């Protein structure tokens, strides 16, 4: 009968998980901006740090990050521009202005405020936010609280063409 070589007892087994693997599996699936949590206050980028206040700019950024399959051709048909023009205005004008909370719905070179609003609505129709994963960016808040801030405060302001603050 052939001898079977004994395995090293210290060698890792395939079913053993190292502590680093366990830590990696606990990480959220989305990469969020770092948020500090101190004594019930959320203090992220550009927040006032008041109790119960949300970082609306970060919430808008997280929702817009979930936009997939934007129908630029349909938008181009509705506003009378090409799909490339629609993408460029979104990428260079509207999106940066939303993230930095600057006025975005002003008429520009060949673009009316209504055209920009239609572009934003097209992008928002393509979003599918994961509210549960966003809770890690807002400690102490539930997914329904975050969704309500979006639905009751931020989204109506965007539909009116206003800034988010």
N, C-alpha and C. Protein backbone atom coordinates (compact mmCIF):
# COMPACT_ATOMS: atom_id res chain seq x y z
N UNK A 1 0.83 -1.16 0.00
CA UNK A 1 0.00 0.00 0.00
C UNK A 1 0.89 1.25 0.00
N UNK A 2 0.58 2.25 -0.91
CA UNK A 2 1.42 3.43 -0.98
C UNK A 2 1.21 4.33 0.23
N UNK A 3 2.26 5.02 0.59
CA UNK A 3 2.18 5.94 1.72
C UNK A 3 1.56 7.26 1.26
N UNK A 4 0.73 7.81 2.08
CA UNK A 4 0.11 9.11 1.80
C UNK A 4 0.89 10.17 2.55
N UNK A 5 1.30 11.18 1.81
CA UNK A 5 2.07 12.25 2.43
C UNK A 5 1.16 13.05 3.35
N UNK A 6 1.66 13.32 4.55
CA UNK A 6 0.87 14.11 5.50
C UNK A 6 0.96 15.59 5.14
N UNK A 7 -0.17 16.24 5.22
CA UNK A 7 -0.20 17.66 4.92
C UNK A 7 0.29 18.44 6.13
N UNK A 8 0.83 19.60 5.85
CA UNK A 8 1.29 20.48 6.91
C UNK A 8 0.08 20.96 7.70
N UNK A 9 0.11 20.79 9.03
CA UNK A 9 -1.03 21.17 9.86
C UNK A 9 -1.25 22.68 9.89
N UNK A 10 -0.20 23.43 9.62
CA UNK A 10 -0.32 24.89 9.66
C UNK A 10 -0.78 25.48 8.33
N UNK A 11 -0.83 24.66 7.28
CA UNK A 11 -1.26 25.17 5.97
C UNK A 11 -2.74 25.54 6.03
N UNK A 12 -3.13 26.63 5.39
CA UNK A 12 -4.54 27.03 5.44
C UNK A 12 -5.42 26.05 4.68
N UNK A 13 -6.54 25.78 5.23
CA UNK A 13 -7.52 24.89 4.61
C UNK A 13 -8.41 25.71 3.68
N UNK A 14 -8.95 25.10 2.63
CA UNK A 14 -9.79 25.86 1.69
C UNK A 14 -11.07 26.38 2.33
N UNK A 15 -11.52 25.75 3.39
CA UNK A 15 -12.76 26.18 4.02
C UNK A 15 -12.53 27.21 5.13
N UNK A 16 -11.26 27.47 5.47
CA UNK A 16 -10.94 28.48 6.48
C UNK A 16 -10.92 29.85 5.81
N UNK A 17 -11.51 30.82 6.49
CA UNK A 17 -11.49 32.19 5.99
C UNK A 17 -10.59 33.01 6.89
N UNK A 18 -9.75 33.78 6.26
CA UNK A 18 -8.89 34.66 7.05
C UNK A 18 -9.70 35.86 7.52
N UNK A 19 -9.18 36.56 8.50
CA UNK A 19 -9.90 37.72 9.02
C UNK A 19 -10.00 38.83 7.98
N UNK A 20 -9.00 38.94 7.09
CA UNK A 20 -9.08 39.98 6.07
C UNK A 20 -10.19 39.69 5.07
N UNK A 21 -10.43 38.41 4.78
CA UNK A 21 -11.52 38.05 3.87
C UNK A 21 -12.86 38.39 4.49
N UNK A 22 -12.99 38.14 5.80
CA UNK A 22 -14.25 38.48 6.47
C UNK A 22 -14.47 39.98 6.48
N UNK A 23 -13.41 40.76 6.71
CA UNK A 23 -13.56 42.21 6.70
C UNK A 23 -13.95 42.73 5.33
N UNK A 24 -13.39 42.13 4.26
CA UNK A 24 -13.72 42.57 2.91
C UNK A 24 -15.18 42.29 2.58
N UNK A 25 -15.72 41.16 3.07
CA UNK A 25 -17.10 40.81 2.75
C UNK A 25 -18.10 41.72 3.46
N UNK A 26 -17.68 42.43 4.53
CA UNK A 26 -18.58 43.32 5.24
C UNK A 26 -18.66 44.70 4.61
N UNK A 27 -17.83 45.00 3.64
CA UNK A 27 -17.81 46.32 3.01
C UNK A 27 -19.06 46.51 2.16
N UNK A 28 -19.61 47.72 2.10
CA UNK A 28 -20.77 47.97 1.24
C UNK A 28 -20.39 47.83 -0.23
N UNK A 29 -21.41 47.55 -1.04
CA UNK A 29 -21.15 47.32 -2.45
C UNK A 29 -20.86 48.60 -3.21
N UNK A 30 -21.34 49.73 -2.74
CA UNK A 30 -21.08 51.00 -3.41
C UNK A 30 -19.99 51.76 -2.67
N UNK A 31 -19.20 52.52 -3.40
CA UNK A 31 -18.16 53.33 -2.78
C UNK A 31 -18.73 54.72 -2.49
N UNK A 32 -18.87 55.03 -1.21
CA UNK A 32 -19.44 56.29 -0.82
C UNK A 32 -18.35 57.24 -0.33
N UNK A 33 -18.65 58.50 -0.37
CA UNK A 33 -17.73 59.49 0.17
C UNK A 33 -17.66 59.30 1.68
N UNK A 34 -16.49 59.53 2.28
CA UNK A 34 -16.38 59.34 3.73
C UNK A 34 -17.26 60.33 4.49
N UNK A 35 -17.94 59.82 5.49
CA UNK A 35 -18.82 60.64 6.30
C UNK A 35 -18.43 60.43 7.76
N UNK A 36 -18.27 61.52 8.49
CA UNK A 36 -17.94 61.44 9.90
C UNK A 36 -19.23 61.47 10.70
N UNK A 37 -19.30 60.65 11.73
CA UNK A 37 -20.47 60.60 12.58
C UNK A 37 -20.06 60.94 13.99
N UNK A 38 -20.54 62.05 14.48
CA UNK A 38 -20.20 62.47 15.84
C UNK A 38 -21.44 62.95 16.54
N UNK A 39 -21.73 62.35 17.66
CA UNK A 39 -22.81 62.73 18.57
C UNK A 39 -24.13 63.06 17.86
N UNK A 40 -24.57 62.16 16.99
CA UNK A 40 -25.86 62.33 16.35
C UNK A 40 -25.88 63.30 15.20
N UNK A 41 -24.74 63.78 14.77
CA UNK A 41 -24.69 64.74 13.68
C UNK A 41 -23.96 64.14 12.50
N UNK A 42 -24.50 64.34 11.34
CA UNK A 42 -23.85 63.88 10.12
C UNK A 42 -23.04 65.04 9.58
N UNK A 43 -21.74 64.83 9.41
CA UNK A 43 -20.88 65.91 8.93
C UNK A 43 -20.08 65.40 7.74
N UNK A 44 -20.62 65.51 6.57
CA UNK A 44 -19.94 65.10 5.35
C UNK A 44 -19.42 66.34 4.65
N UNK A 45 -19.12 66.24 3.37
CA UNK A 45 -18.63 67.41 2.66
C UNK A 45 -19.71 68.49 2.56
N UNK A 46 -19.34 69.70 2.94
CA UNK A 46 -20.19 70.88 2.80
C UNK A 46 -21.50 70.79 3.58
N UNK A 47 -21.49 70.19 4.76
CA UNK A 47 -22.70 70.18 5.57
C UNK A 47 -22.58 71.24 6.64
N UNK A 48 -23.70 71.65 7.16
CA UNK A 48 -23.70 72.62 8.24
C UNK A 48 -23.56 71.92 9.59
N UNK A 49 -23.77 70.60 9.62
CA UNK A 49 -23.57 69.83 10.83
C UNK A 49 -24.69 69.95 11.84
N UNK A 50 -25.87 70.41 11.46
CA UNK A 50 -26.98 70.51 12.39
C UNK A 50 -27.60 69.13 12.58
N UNK A 51 -28.15 68.93 13.76
CA UNK A 51 -28.75 67.65 14.07
C UNK A 51 -29.95 67.40 13.17
N UNK A 52 -30.01 66.21 12.60
CA UNK A 52 -31.13 65.84 11.74
C UNK A 52 -31.02 66.34 10.32
N UNK A 53 -29.94 67.04 9.98
CA UNK A 53 -29.80 67.55 8.62
C UNK A 53 -29.07 66.54 7.75
N UNK A 54 -29.52 66.40 6.54
CA UNK A 54 -28.93 65.48 5.59
C UNK A 54 -27.98 66.23 4.67
N UNK A 55 -26.97 65.56 4.21
CA UNK A 55 -26.10 66.13 3.20
C UNK A 55 -26.79 65.90 1.86
N UNK A 56 -27.55 66.88 1.43
CA UNK A 56 -28.38 66.73 0.24
C UNK A 56 -27.54 66.56 -1.02
N UNK A 57 -26.38 67.20 -1.06
CA UNK A 57 -25.52 67.06 -2.23
C UNK A 57 -25.02 65.62 -2.37
N UNK A 58 -24.67 65.00 -1.25
CA UNK A 58 -24.22 63.62 -1.31
C UNK A 58 -25.37 62.70 -1.70
N UNK A 59 -26.57 62.96 -1.21
CA UNK A 59 -27.73 62.16 -1.58
C UNK A 59 -28.01 62.26 -3.07
N UNK A 60 -27.93 63.46 -3.62
CA UNK A 60 -28.12 63.63 -5.07
C UNK A 60 -27.05 62.88 -5.84
N UNK A 61 -25.81 62.97 -5.40
CA UNK A 61 -24.72 62.27 -6.08
C UNK A 61 -24.92 60.76 -6.06
N UNK A 62 -25.38 60.22 -4.93
CA UNK A 62 -25.60 58.78 -4.84
C UNK A 62 -26.75 58.32 -5.72
N UNK A 63 -27.81 59.12 -5.78
CA UNK A 63 -28.95 58.76 -6.64
C UNK A 63 -28.54 58.83 -8.11
N UNK A 64 -27.83 59.88 -8.48
CA UNK A 64 -27.43 60.03 -9.89
C UNK A 64 -26.42 58.96 -10.30
N UNK A 65 -25.66 58.45 -9.34
CA UNK A 65 -24.69 57.39 -9.63
C UNK A 65 -25.39 56.11 -10.10
N UNK A 66 -26.66 55.95 -9.71
CA UNK A 66 -27.38 54.73 -10.06
C UNK A 66 -28.07 54.81 -11.42
N UNK A 67 -27.85 55.87 -12.18
CA UNK A 67 -28.50 56.02 -13.49
C UNK A 67 -27.88 55.05 -14.49
N UNK A 68 -28.72 54.24 -15.10
CA UNK A 68 -28.31 53.28 -16.12
C UNK A 68 -29.24 53.39 -17.31
N UNK A 69 -28.74 53.06 -18.46
CA UNK A 69 -29.55 53.00 -19.68
C UNK A 69 -30.32 54.29 -19.95
N UNK A 70 -29.62 55.39 -19.96
CA UNK A 70 -30.24 56.67 -20.25
C UNK A 70 -30.54 56.71 -21.75
N UNK A 71 -31.75 57.04 -22.09
CA UNK A 71 -32.19 57.05 -23.49
C UNK A 71 -31.92 58.42 -24.10
N UNK A 72 -30.68 58.63 -24.52
CA UNK A 72 -30.27 59.91 -25.07
C UNK A 72 -30.94 60.19 -26.40
N UNK A 73 -31.22 59.17 -27.20
CA UNK A 73 -31.86 59.37 -28.50
C UNK A 73 -33.30 59.88 -28.33
N UNK A 74 -34.03 59.33 -27.35
CA UNK A 74 -35.39 59.80 -27.09
C UNK A 74 -35.38 61.24 -26.62
N UNK A 75 -34.43 61.57 -25.75
CA UNK A 75 -34.30 62.94 -25.27
C UNK A 75 -34.01 63.89 -26.43
N UNK A 76 -33.09 63.49 -27.30
CA UNK A 76 -32.71 64.33 -28.43
C UNK A 76 -33.92 64.62 -29.32
N UNK A 77 -34.75 63.62 -29.52
CA UNK A 77 -35.94 63.80 -30.34
C UNK A 77 -36.90 64.80 -29.69
N UNK A 78 -37.08 64.71 -28.35
CA UNK A 78 -38.02 65.58 -27.65
C UNK A 78 -37.57 67.03 -27.60
N UNK A 79 -36.26 67.28 -27.48
CA UNK A 79 -35.80 68.67 -27.31
C UNK A 79 -35.21 69.26 -28.58
N UNK A 80 -35.11 68.48 -29.64
CA UNK A 80 -34.64 69.02 -30.91
C UNK A 80 -33.13 69.19 -30.98
N UNK A 81 -32.39 68.38 -30.24
CA UNK A 81 -30.93 68.40 -30.28
C UNK A 81 -30.45 66.99 -30.61
N UNK A 82 -29.13 66.84 -30.80
CA UNK A 82 -28.59 65.50 -31.05
C UNK A 82 -28.33 64.82 -29.71
N UNK A 83 -28.19 63.50 -29.73
CA UNK A 83 -27.93 62.77 -28.49
C UNK A 83 -26.57 63.15 -27.90
N UNK A 84 -25.61 63.46 -28.74
CA UNK A 84 -24.29 63.88 -28.26
C UNK A 84 -24.40 65.22 -27.53
N UNK A 85 -25.21 66.14 -28.07
CA UNK A 85 -25.40 67.42 -27.40
C UNK A 85 -26.06 67.23 -26.04
N UNK A 86 -27.03 66.33 -25.98
CA UNK A 86 -27.70 66.06 -24.71
C UNK A 86 -26.74 65.50 -23.67
N UNK A 87 -25.92 64.54 -24.08
CA UNK A 87 -24.93 63.96 -23.16
C UNK A 87 -23.94 65.01 -22.69
N UNK A 88 -23.46 65.85 -23.61
CA UNK A 88 -22.47 66.86 -23.25
C UNK A 88 -23.02 67.89 -22.27
N UNK A 89 -24.25 68.35 -22.48
CA UNK A 89 -24.83 69.32 -21.56
C UNK A 89 -25.03 68.68 -20.19
N UNK A 90 -25.43 67.42 -20.17
CA UNK A 90 -25.57 66.73 -18.89
C UNK A 90 -24.21 66.61 -18.20
N UNK A 91 -23.22 66.15 -18.92
CA UNK A 91 -21.90 65.86 -18.35
C UNK A 91 -21.14 67.12 -17.96
N UNK A 92 -21.27 68.19 -18.75
CA UNK A 92 -20.46 69.39 -18.52
C UNK A 92 -21.18 70.50 -17.76
N UNK A 93 -22.51 70.52 -17.78
CA UNK A 93 -23.23 71.65 -17.19
C UNK A 93 -24.13 71.21 -16.04
N UNK A 94 -25.10 70.35 -16.33
CA UNK A 94 -26.14 70.06 -15.35
C UNK A 94 -25.59 69.23 -14.18
N UNK A 95 -24.95 68.11 -14.47
CA UNK A 95 -24.46 67.22 -13.40
C UNK A 95 -23.47 67.93 -12.47
N UNK A 96 -22.44 68.61 -12.98
CA UNK A 96 -21.53 69.32 -12.06
C UNK A 96 -22.23 70.39 -11.23
N UNK A 97 -23.21 71.08 -11.82
CA UNK A 97 -23.93 72.11 -11.08
C UNK A 97 -24.78 71.50 -9.96
N UNK A 98 -25.38 70.33 -10.21
CA UNK A 98 -26.16 69.67 -9.17
C UNK A 98 -25.28 69.22 -8.02
N UNK A 99 -24.12 68.67 -8.34
CA UNK A 99 -23.23 68.15 -7.31
C UNK A 99 -22.67 69.29 -6.44
N UNK A 100 -22.43 70.44 -7.04
CA UNK A 100 -21.87 71.57 -6.29
C UNK A 100 -22.94 72.57 -5.83
N UNK A 101 -24.21 72.25 -6.09
CA UNK A 101 -25.35 73.07 -5.67
C UNK A 101 -25.30 74.49 -6.25
N UNK A 102 -24.98 74.57 -7.52
CA UNK A 102 -25.04 75.85 -8.24
C UNK A 102 -26.30 75.88 -9.09
N UNK A 103 -26.79 77.06 -9.46
CA UNK A 103 -27.95 77.14 -10.36
C UNK A 103 -27.63 76.44 -11.68
N UNK A 104 -28.52 75.60 -12.14
CA UNK A 104 -28.26 74.81 -13.35
C UNK A 104 -29.32 75.03 -14.41
N UNK A 105 -30.43 75.61 -14.07
CA UNK A 105 -31.57 75.69 -14.98
C UNK A 105 -31.66 77.04 -15.68
N UNK A 106 -30.54 77.68 -15.93
CA UNK A 106 -30.56 78.96 -16.63
C UNK A 106 -30.36 78.72 -18.12
N UNK A 107 -30.90 79.61 -18.92
CA UNK A 107 -30.73 79.48 -20.36
C UNK A 107 -29.28 79.73 -20.73
N UNK A 108 -28.82 78.98 -21.67
CA UNK A 108 -27.44 79.13 -22.11
C UNK A 108 -27.38 79.22 -23.62
N UNK A 109 -26.25 78.97 -24.16
CA UNK A 109 -26.03 79.08 -25.60
C UNK A 109 -26.83 77.99 -26.33
N UNK A 110 -27.98 78.35 -26.84
CA UNK A 110 -28.81 77.41 -27.59
C UNK A 110 -29.63 76.47 -26.72
N UNK A 111 -29.56 76.62 -25.41
CA UNK A 111 -30.29 75.74 -24.51
C UNK A 111 -31.19 76.58 -23.60
N UNK A 112 -32.46 76.21 -23.56
CA UNK A 112 -33.39 76.88 -22.65
C UNK A 112 -33.41 76.12 -21.33
N UNK A 113 -33.95 76.76 -20.32
CA UNK A 113 -34.10 76.10 -19.03
C UNK A 113 -35.00 74.88 -19.13
N UNK A 114 -36.01 74.95 -19.99
CA UNK A 114 -36.92 73.81 -20.18
C UNK A 114 -36.20 72.61 -20.78
N UNK A 115 -35.28 72.84 -21.71
CA UNK A 115 -34.50 71.75 -22.31
C UNK A 115 -33.62 71.08 -21.26
N UNK A 116 -33.00 71.90 -20.39
CA UNK A 116 -32.15 71.34 -19.33
C UNK A 116 -32.98 70.56 -18.33
N UNK A 117 -34.17 71.05 -18.02
CA UNK A 117 -35.05 70.34 -17.10
C UNK A 117 -35.47 69.00 -17.70
N UNK A 118 -35.77 68.98 -18.99
CA UNK A 118 -36.12 67.73 -19.66
C UNK A 118 -34.95 66.74 -19.64
N UNK A 119 -33.73 67.25 -19.79
CA UNK A 119 -32.54 66.40 -19.73
C UNK A 119 -32.41 65.78 -18.35
N UNK A 120 -32.59 66.58 -17.30
CA UNK A 120 -32.51 66.06 -15.94
C UNK A 120 -33.58 65.01 -15.68
N UNK A 121 -34.79 65.26 -16.11
CA UNK A 121 -35.87 64.29 -15.90
C UNK A 121 -35.60 62.97 -16.62
N UNK A 122 -34.98 63.04 -17.79
CA UNK A 122 -34.62 61.82 -18.52
C UNK A 122 -33.60 61.01 -17.73
N UNK A 123 -32.62 61.68 -17.16
CA UNK A 123 -31.61 60.97 -16.36
C UNK A 123 -32.25 60.40 -15.10
N UNK A 124 -33.10 61.16 -14.44
CA UNK A 124 -33.72 60.68 -13.21
C UNK A 124 -34.66 59.50 -13.46
N UNK A 125 -35.28 59.45 -14.64
CA UNK A 125 -36.11 58.29 -14.99
C UNK A 125 -35.29 57.02 -15.09
N UNK A 126 -34.01 57.17 -15.43
CA UNK A 126 -33.13 56.00 -15.61
C UNK A 126 -32.46 55.57 -14.31
N UNK A 127 -32.72 56.27 -13.21
CA UNK A 127 -32.08 55.89 -11.94
C UNK A 127 -32.86 54.78 -11.27
N UNK A 128 -32.13 53.97 -10.54
CA UNK A 128 -32.73 52.92 -9.72
C UNK A 128 -31.92 52.85 -8.43
N UNK A 129 -32.13 53.82 -7.52
CA UNK A 129 -31.30 53.89 -6.33
C UNK A 129 -31.53 52.71 -5.38
N UNK A 130 -30.46 52.26 -4.76
CA UNK A 130 -30.53 51.23 -3.74
C UNK A 130 -30.50 51.95 -2.39
N UNK A 131 -31.67 52.24 -1.85
CA UNK A 131 -31.78 53.05 -0.64
C UNK A 131 -31.14 52.34 0.55
N UNK A 132 -31.23 51.03 0.58
CA UNK A 132 -30.65 50.29 1.70
C UNK A 132 -29.13 50.46 1.76
N UNK A 133 -28.47 50.40 0.61
CA UNK A 133 -27.01 50.55 0.62
C UNK A 133 -26.60 51.99 0.92
N UNK A 134 -27.48 52.95 0.66
CA UNK A 134 -27.18 54.35 0.96
C UNK A 134 -27.21 54.64 2.46
N UNK A 135 -27.83 53.77 3.24
CA UNK A 135 -27.89 54.01 4.68
C UNK A 135 -26.51 54.02 5.32
N UNK A 136 -25.54 53.37 4.71
CA UNK A 136 -24.19 53.39 5.28
C UNK A 136 -23.55 54.77 5.16
N UNK A 137 -24.01 55.59 4.23
CA UNK A 137 -23.48 56.94 4.08
C UNK A 137 -24.15 57.93 5.04
N UNK A 138 -25.28 57.53 5.62
CA UNK A 138 -26.01 58.38 6.55
C UNK A 138 -26.26 57.61 7.85
N UNK A 139 -25.27 57.57 8.73
CA UNK A 139 -25.42 56.79 9.97
C UNK A 139 -26.61 57.25 10.80
N UNK A 140 -27.32 56.28 11.33
CA UNK A 140 -28.47 56.59 12.17
C UNK A 140 -29.75 56.85 11.40
N UNK A 141 -29.73 56.75 10.09
CA UNK A 141 -30.92 57.00 9.28
C UNK A 141 -31.35 55.71 8.60
N UNK A 142 -32.65 55.51 8.50
CA UNK A 142 -33.16 54.32 7.84
C UNK A 142 -33.33 54.60 6.35
N UNK A 143 -33.55 53.52 5.59
CA UNK A 143 -33.72 53.71 4.15
C UNK A 143 -34.98 54.50 3.84
N UNK A 144 -36.03 54.34 4.64
CA UNK A 144 -37.25 55.10 4.39
C UNK A 144 -37.06 56.58 4.70
N UNK A 145 -36.25 56.91 5.71
CA UNK A 145 -35.97 58.31 6.01
C UNK A 145 -35.20 58.97 4.86
N UNK A 146 -34.22 58.26 4.34
CA UNK A 146 -33.43 58.80 3.23
C UNK A 146 -34.29 58.96 1.99
N UNK A 147 -35.12 57.96 1.72
CA UNK A 147 -36.00 58.02 0.55
C UNK A 147 -37.00 59.17 0.69
N UNK A 148 -37.51 59.40 1.90
CA UNK A 148 -38.46 60.50 2.11
C UNK A 148 -37.82 61.86 1.87
N UNK A 149 -36.56 62.04 2.29
CA UNK A 149 -35.87 63.30 2.03
C UNK A 149 -35.76 63.52 0.53
N UNK A 150 -35.44 62.46 -0.20
CA UNK A 150 -35.34 62.56 -1.66
C UNK A 150 -36.70 62.90 -2.26
N UNK A 151 -37.73 62.15 -1.84
CA UNK A 151 -39.05 62.26 -2.45
C UNK A 151 -39.77 63.55 -2.08
N UNK A 152 -39.61 64.01 -0.85
CA UNK A 152 -40.38 65.17 -0.38
C UNK A 152 -39.64 66.49 -0.49
N UNK A 153 -38.32 66.47 -0.48
CA UNK A 153 -37.57 67.73 -0.45
C UNK A 153 -36.76 67.95 -1.73
N UNK A 154 -35.88 67.00 -2.02
CA UNK A 154 -34.93 67.22 -3.11
C UNK A 154 -35.58 67.11 -4.48
N UNK A 155 -36.30 66.02 -4.75
CA UNK A 155 -36.89 65.80 -6.07
C UNK A 155 -37.85 66.91 -6.48
N UNK A 156 -38.76 67.39 -5.60
CA UNK A 156 -39.64 68.50 -6.01
C UNK A 156 -38.86 69.77 -6.39
N UNK A 157 -37.78 70.05 -5.65
CA UNK A 157 -36.97 71.22 -5.99
C UNK A 157 -36.32 71.06 -7.36
N UNK A 158 -35.83 69.86 -7.65
CA UNK A 158 -35.21 69.63 -8.95
C UNK A 158 -36.23 69.75 -10.07
N UNK A 159 -37.45 69.27 -9.84
CA UNK A 159 -38.49 69.36 -10.86
C UNK A 159 -38.88 70.81 -11.14
N UNK A 160 -38.74 71.67 -10.14
CA UNK A 160 -39.02 73.10 -10.34
C UNK A 160 -37.83 73.85 -10.91
N UNK A 161 -36.69 73.18 -11.03
CA UNK A 161 -35.51 73.82 -11.58
C UNK A 161 -34.70 74.61 -10.57
N UNK A 162 -34.89 74.31 -9.28
CA UNK A 162 -34.19 75.03 -8.22
C UNK A 162 -32.94 74.28 -7.78
N UNK A 163 -32.13 74.93 -6.96
CA UNK A 163 -31.00 74.24 -6.35
C UNK A 163 -31.52 73.40 -5.19
N UNK A 164 -30.67 72.51 -4.67
CA UNK A 164 -31.15 71.56 -3.67
C UNK A 164 -31.11 72.08 -2.25
N UNK A 165 -30.43 73.16 -1.99
CA UNK A 165 -30.36 73.71 -0.62
C UNK A 165 -31.37 74.81 -0.45
